Amino acid sequence: MVRCISVVKNRGTLNPKGLTVERKTGVERKTSQRSALLKAFETAGRPLTPQEALAIARPLASGLGIATVYRNLRTLAGQGVLKPVRLPGESTARYELCGKAHHHHFHCLRCHQVFEVDGCPGNIEPLVPKGFVLEGHEVVLYGQCPECRPPLRRKSEIRNSK
């Protein structure tokens, strides 16, 4: 289970200069690269691969490279600021900000982006095999996001094509 902590937002926003992350041992030092990565997650509002995080954060922190991104993602996950999102069939974890309500994910099969799905289908206890103990669950929906799906056809176009 991933332990999440709260992110303290100075002046109510995550910004590259005002972000501090609370830890039990004190306050984590601020770096422009780490702040840029956190801003990338806030801006995207969805789980990001390390490469996606780099693409969004790079304009905010000159010299940011993929090795630094991986190192900071591991650090932030270890501190409980980010949590990994592991999808079936993917070898690299995506990450998202901690502190969100229970939710699931939608994976676009065309662009491969992952989006958050609010809510849960509800009581899944009846699906648990007899004698098993449920400790958690994850639901991943697959399909096409609005940017990738084919345009919707109008009813008049459907009638005329018959």
C-alpha atoms as a PDB file:
ATOM      1  CA  MET A   1       0.000   0.000   0.000  1.00  0.00           C
ATOM      2  CA  VAL A   2       1.342   3.461  -0.884  1.00  0.00           C
ATOM      3  CA  ARG A   3       1.529   6.016   1.935  1.00  0.00           C
ATOM      4  CA  CYS A   4       0.520   9.474   0.792  1.00  0.00           C
ATOM      5  CA  ILE A   5       1.150  12.743   2.575  1.00  0.00           C
ATOM      6  CA  SER A   6      -0.226  16.173   1.929  1.00  0.00           C
ATOM      7  CA  VAL A   7       1.453  18.757  -0.231  1.00  0.00           C
ATOM      8  CA  VAL A   8       1.563  22.217   1.320  1.00  0.00           C
ATOM      9  CA  LYS A   9       0.662  24.894  -1.211  1.00  0.00           C
ATOM     10  CA  ASN A  10       2.003  28.341  -0.491  1.00  0.00           C
ATOM     11  CA  ARG A  11      -0.517  31.001  -1.483  1.00  0.00           C
ATOM     12  CA  GLY A  12      -2.954  28.250  -2.537  1.00  0.00           C
ATOM     13  CA  THR A  13      -1.185  27.087  -5.697  1.00  0.00           C
ATOM     14  CA  LEU A  14       1.542  24.678  -6.642  1.00  0.00           C
ATOM     15  CA  ASN A  15       4.206  26.879  -8.159  1.00  0.00           C
ATOM     16  CA  PRO A  16       7.848  26.237  -8.985  1.00  0.00           C
ATOM     17  CA  LYS A  17       9.107  28.776  -6.429  1.00  0.00           C
ATOM     18  CA  GLY A  18       6.699  28.336  -3.526  1.00  0.00           C
ATOM     19  CA  LEU A  19       6.238  24.586  -3.143  1.00  0.00           C
ATOM     20  CA  THR A  20       7.346  22.774  -0.025  1.00  0.00           C
ATOM     21  CA  VAL A  21       6.776  19.153   0.775  1.00  0.00           C
ATOM     22  CA  GLU A  22       6.284  18.224   4.420  1.00  0.00           C
ATOM     23  CA  ARG A  23       8.042  15.154   5.797  1.00  0.00           C
ATOM     24  CA  LYS A  24       8.138  13.634   9.229  1.00  0.00           C
ATOM     25  CA  THR A  25      11.845  14.476   9.344  1.00  0.00           C
ATOM     26  CA  GLY A  26      11.349  18.118   8.382  1.00  0.00           C
ATOM     27  CA  VAL A  27      10.895  19.994   5.149  1.00  0.00           C
ATOM     28  CA  GLU A  28      12.318  18.550   1.957  1.00  0.00           C
ATOM     29  CA  ARG A  29      14.634  20.935   0.181  1.00  0.00           C
ATOM     30  CA  LYS A  30      13.218  22.754  -2.792  1.00  0.00           C
ATOM     31  CA  THR A  31      14.731  22.329  -6.237  1.00  0.00           C
ATOM     32  CA  SER A  32      13.557  23.969  -9.420  1.00  0.00           C
ATOM     33  CA  GLN A  33      13.545  20.596 -11.170  1.00  0.00           C
ATOM     34  CA  ARG A  34      11.413  18.926  -8.494  1.00  0.00           C
ATOM     35  CA  SER A  35       9.049  21.891  -8.431  1.00  0.00           C
ATOM     36  CA  ALA A  36       8.763  21.776 -12.230  1.00  0.00           C
ATOM     37  CA  LEU A  37       7.875  18.079 -12.071  1.00  0.00           C
ATOM     38  CA  LEU A  38       5.193  18.685  -9.456  1.00  0.00           C
ATOM     39  CA  LYS A  39       3.789  21.533 -11.543  1.00  0.00           C
ATOM     40  CA  ALA A  40       3.684  19.135 -14.526  1.00  0.00           C
ATOM     41  CA  PHE A  41       1.533  16.682 -12.555  1.00  0.00           C
ATOM     42  CA  GLU A  42      -0.780  19.428 -11.356  1.00  0.00           C
ATOM     43  CA  THR A  43      -1.115  20.850 -14.880  1.00  0.00           C
ATOM     44  CA  ALA A  44      -1.733  17.473 -16.537  1.00  0.00           C
ATOM     45  CA  GLY A  45      -4.282  16.338 -13.949  1.00  0.00           C
ATOM     46  CA  ARG A  46      -3.702  12.718 -14.913  1.00  0.00           C
ATOM     47  CA  PRO A  47      -1.123   9.971 -14.418  1.00  0.00           C
ATOM     48  CA  LEU A  48       2.075  10.603 -16.371  1.00  0.00           C
ATOM     49  CA  THR A  49       4.878   8.419 -17.637  1.00  0.00           C
ATOM     50  CA  PRO A  50       8.372   9.663 -16.859  1.00  0.00           C
ATOM     51  CA  GLN A  51       8.677  10.749 -20.504  1.00  0.00           C
ATOM     52  CA  GLU A  52       5.382  12.690 -20.369  1.00  0.00           C
ATOM     53  CA  ALA A  53       6.454  14.345 -17.105  1.00  0.00           C
ATOM     54  CA  LEU A  54       9.757  15.342 -18.724  1.00  0.00           C
ATOM     55  CA  ALA A  55       8.024  16.839 -21.777  1.00  0.00           C
ATOM     56  CA  ILE A  56       5.723  18.971 -19.608  1.00  0.00           C
ATOM     57  CA  ALA A  57       8.337  19.960 -17.005  1.00  0.00           C
ATOM     58  CA  ARG A  58      11.317  20.639 -19.293  1.00  0.00           C
ATOM     59  CA  PRO A  59      10.182  24.178 -20.292  1.00  0.00           C
ATOM     60  CA  LEU A  60       9.958  25.023 -16.564  1.00  0.00           C
ATOM     61  CA  ALA A  61      13.427  23.738 -15.620  1.00  0.00           C
ATOM     62  CA  SER A  62      16.296  24.131 -18.044  1.00  0.00           C
ATOM     63  CA  GLY A  63      18.650  21.188 -18.166  1.00  0.00           C
ATOM     64  CA  LEU A  64      16.075  18.695 -16.901  1.00  0.00           C
ATOM     65  CA  GLY A  65      16.876  15.217 -18.203  1.00  0.00           C
ATOM     66  CA  ILE A  66      15.247  11.809 -18.028  1.00  0.00           C
ATOM     67  CA  ALA A  67      17.660  10.485 -15.359  1.00  0.00           C
ATOM     68  CA  THR A  68      16.770  13.419 -13.094  1.00  0.00           C
ATOM     69  CA  VAL A  69      13.072  12.798 -13.733  1.00  0.00           C
ATOM     70  CA  TYR A  70      13.349   9.122 -12.723  1.00  0.00           C
ATOM     71  CA  ARG A  71      15.366  10.020  -9.613  1.00  0.00           C
ATOM     72  CA  ASN A  72      12.855  12.683  -8.533  1.00  0.00           C
ATOM     73  CA  LEU A  73       9.847  10.449  -9.248  1.00  0.00           C
ATOM     74  CA  ARG A  74      11.325   7.754  -6.994  1.00  0.00           C
ATOM     75  CA  THR A  75      12.078  10.353  -4.297  1.00  0.00           C
ATOM     76  CA  LEU A  76       8.614  11.924  -4.459  1.00  0.00           C
ATOM     77  CA  ALA A  77       6.957   8.497  -4.406  1.00  0.00           C
ATOM     78  CA  GLY A  78       9.087   7.502  -1.422  1.00  0.00           C
ATOM     79  CA  GLN A  79       7.990  10.676   0.368  1.00  0.00           C
ATOM     80  CA  GLY A  80       4.315   9.960  -0.323  1.00  0.00           C
ATOM     81  CA  VAL A  81       3.801  12.923  -2.665  1.00  0.00           C
ATOM     82  CA  LEU A  82       3.344  10.803  -5.807  1.00  0.00           C
ATOM     83  CA  LYS A  83       2.096   7.264  -6.151  1.00  0.00           C
ATOM     84  CA  PRO A  84       2.804   4.793  -8.932  1.00  0.00           C
ATOM     85  CA  VAL A  85       0.016   3.707 -11.270  1.00  0.00           C
ATOM     86  CA  ARG A  86       0.775   0.309 -12.756  1.00  0.00           C
ATOM     87  CA  LEU A  87      -1.303  -0.854 -15.698  1.00  0.00           C
ATOM     88  CA  PRO A  88      -1.495  -4.429 -16.972  1.00  0.00           C
ATOM     89  CA  GLY A  89       0.942  -5.026 -19.820  1.00  0.00           C
ATOM     90  CA  GLU A  90       3.103  -1.963 -19.126  1.00  0.00           C
ATOM     91  CA  SER A  91       6.603  -2.343 -17.732  1.00  0.00           C
ATOM     92  CA  THR A  92       7.042   1.302 -16.699  1.00  0.00           C
ATOM     93  CA  ALA A  93       4.886   2.798 -13.976  1.00  0.00           C
ATOM     94  CA  ARG A  94       3.088   6.072 -14.419  1.00  0.00           C
ATOM     95  CA  TYR A  95       2.766   8.423 -11.472  1.00  0.00           C
ATOM     96  CA  GLU A  96       0.017  10.635 -10.093  1.00  0.00           C
ATOM     97  CA  LEU A  97      -0.300  13.046  -7.192  1.00  0.00           C
ATOM     98  CA  CYS A  98      -1.354  11.494  -3.892  1.00  0.00           C
ATOM     99  CA  GLY A  99      -4.283  12.694  -1.846  1.00  0.00           C
ATOM    100  CA  LYS A 100      -7.060  12.101  -4.340  1.00  0.00           C
ATOM    101  CA  ALA A 101     -10.236  10.215  -3.543  1.00  0.00           C
ATOM    102  CA  HIS A 102     -10.522   6.577  -4.628  1.00  0.00           C
ATOM    103  CA  HIS A 103     -10.697   6.452  -8.408  1.00  0.00           C
ATOM    104  CA  HIS A 104      -9.884   4.301 -11.425  1.00  0.00           C
ATOM    105  CA  HIS A 105      -8.300   4.891 -14.818  1.00  0.00           C
ATOM    106  CA  PHE A 106      -9.140   5.031 -18.530  1.00  0.00           C
ATOM    107  CA  HIS A 107      -6.356   4.005 -20.943  1.00  0.00           C
ATOM    108  CA  CYS A 108      -6.639   5.354 -24.506  1.00  0.00           C
ATOM    109  CA  LEU A 109      -5.584   2.612 -26.913  1.00  0.00           C
ATOM    110  CA  ARG A 110      -4.566   5.107 -29.608  1.00  0.00           C
ATOM    111  CA  CYS A 111      -2.503   7.802 -27.874  1.00  0.00           C
ATOM    112  CA  HIS A 112      -1.718   5.627 -24.805  1.00  0.00           C
ATOM    113  CA  GLN A 113      -2.507   8.415 -22.358  1.00  0.00           C
ATOM    114  CA  VAL A 114      -4.151   7.463 -19.080  1.00  0.00           C
ATOM    115  CA  PHE A 115      -6.945   9.529 -17.549  1.00  0.00           C
ATOM    116  CA  GLU A 116      -8.557   9.450 -14.129  1.00  0.00           C
ATOM    117  CA  VAL A 117     -12.104   8.141 -13.797  1.00  0.00           C
ATOM    118  CA  ASP A 118     -13.933   9.484 -10.771  1.00  0.00           C
ATOM    119  CA  GLY A 119     -15.805   7.022  -8.655  1.00  0.00           C
ATOM    120  CA  CYS A 120     -16.007   3.297  -8.413  1.00  0.00           C
ATOM    121  CA  PRO A 121     -18.467   0.667  -9.651  1.00  0.00           C
ATOM    122  CA  GLY A 122     -19.360  -0.056  -6.041  1.00  0.00           C
ATOM    123  CA  ASN A 123     -19.548  -3.224  -4.032  1.00  0.00           C
ATOM    124  CA  ILE A 124     -17.408  -5.866  -5.712  1.00  0.00           C
ATOM    125  CA  GLU A 125     -17.396  -8.267  -2.746  1.00  0.00           C
ATOM    126  CA  PRO A 126     -19.797 -10.654  -4.531  1.00  0.00           C
ATOM    127  CA  LEU A 127     -17.108 -11.188  -7.216  1.00  0.00           C
ATOM    128  CA  VAL A 128     -14.541 -12.454  -4.708  1.00  0.00           C
ATOM    129  CA  PRO A 129     -14.162 -16.249  -4.832  1.00  0.00           C
ATOM    130  CA  LYS A 130     -15.293 -18.141  -1.746  1.00  0.00           C
ATOM    131  CA  GLY A 131     -12.545 -18.337   0.874  1.00  0.00           C
ATOM    132  CA  PHE A 132     -10.612 -15.370  -0.536  1.00  0.00           C
ATOM    133  CA  VAL A 133     -10.093 -12.048   1.245  1.00  0.00           C
ATOM    134  CA  LEU A 134     -10.323  -8.861  -0.814  1.00  0.00           C
ATOM    135  CA  GLU A 135      -7.655  -6.288   0.077  1.00  0.00           C
ATOM    136  CA  GLY A 136      -8.110  -3.839  -2.772  1.00  0.00           C
ATOM    137  CA  HIS A 137      -8.997  -3.489  -6.425  1.00  0.00           C
ATOM    138  CA  GLU A 138      -8.192  -1.515  -9.544  1.00  0.00           C
ATOM    139  CA  VAL A 139     -10.448  -1.003 -12.551  1.00  0.00           C
ATOM    140  CA  VAL A 140      -8.926   0.049 -15.868  1.00  0.00           C
ATOM    141  CA  LEU A 141     -11.205   1.032 -18.731  1.00  0.00           C
ATOM    142  CA  TYR A 142      -9.850   0.827 -22.290  1.00  0.00           C
ATOM    143  CA  GLY A 143     -11.004   2.698 -25.375  1.00  0.00           C
ATOM    144  CA  GLN A 144     -10.431   5.985 -27.170  1.00  0.00           C
ATOM    145  CA  CYS A 145     -10.193   9.430 -25.599  1.00  0.00           C
ATOM    146  CA  PRO A 146     -12.116  12.378 -27.119  1.00  0.00           C
ATOM    147  CA  GLU A 147      -9.030  13.475 -29.073  1.00  0.00           C
ATOM    148  CA  CYS A 148      -8.572  10.052 -30.677  1.00  0.00           C
ATOM    149  CA  ARG A 149     -12.078   8.715 -31.227  1.00  0.00           C
ATOM    150  CA  PRO A 150     -13.596   8.937 -34.686  1.00  0.00           C
ATOM    151  CA  PRO A 151     -15.980  11.861 -35.160  1.00  0.00           C
ATOM    152  CA  LEU A 152     -19.545  11.081 -34.166  1.00  0.00           C
ATOM    153  CA  ARG A 153     -21.862  10.725 -37.129  1.00  0.00           C
ATOM    154  CA  ARG A 154     -25.130  12.618 -37.273  1.00  0.00           C
ATOM    155  CA  LYS A 155     -28.382  10.675 -37.519  1.00  0.00           C
ATOM    156  CA  SER A 156     -28.965  12.108 -41.016  1.00  0.00           C
ATOM    157  CA  GLU A 157     -25.581  10.746 -42.156  1.00  0.00           C
ATOM    158  CA  ILE A 158     -26.416   7.297 -40.792  1.00  0.00           C
ATOM    159  CA  ARG A 159     -29.804   7.273 -42.591  1.00  0.00           C
ATOM    160  CA  ASN A 160     -28.244   8.393 -45.889  1.00  0.00           C
ATOM    161  CA  SER A 161     -25.539   5.714 -45.749  1.00  0.00           C
ATOM    162  CA  LYS A 162     -28.088   2.854 -45.641  1.00  0.00           C
END
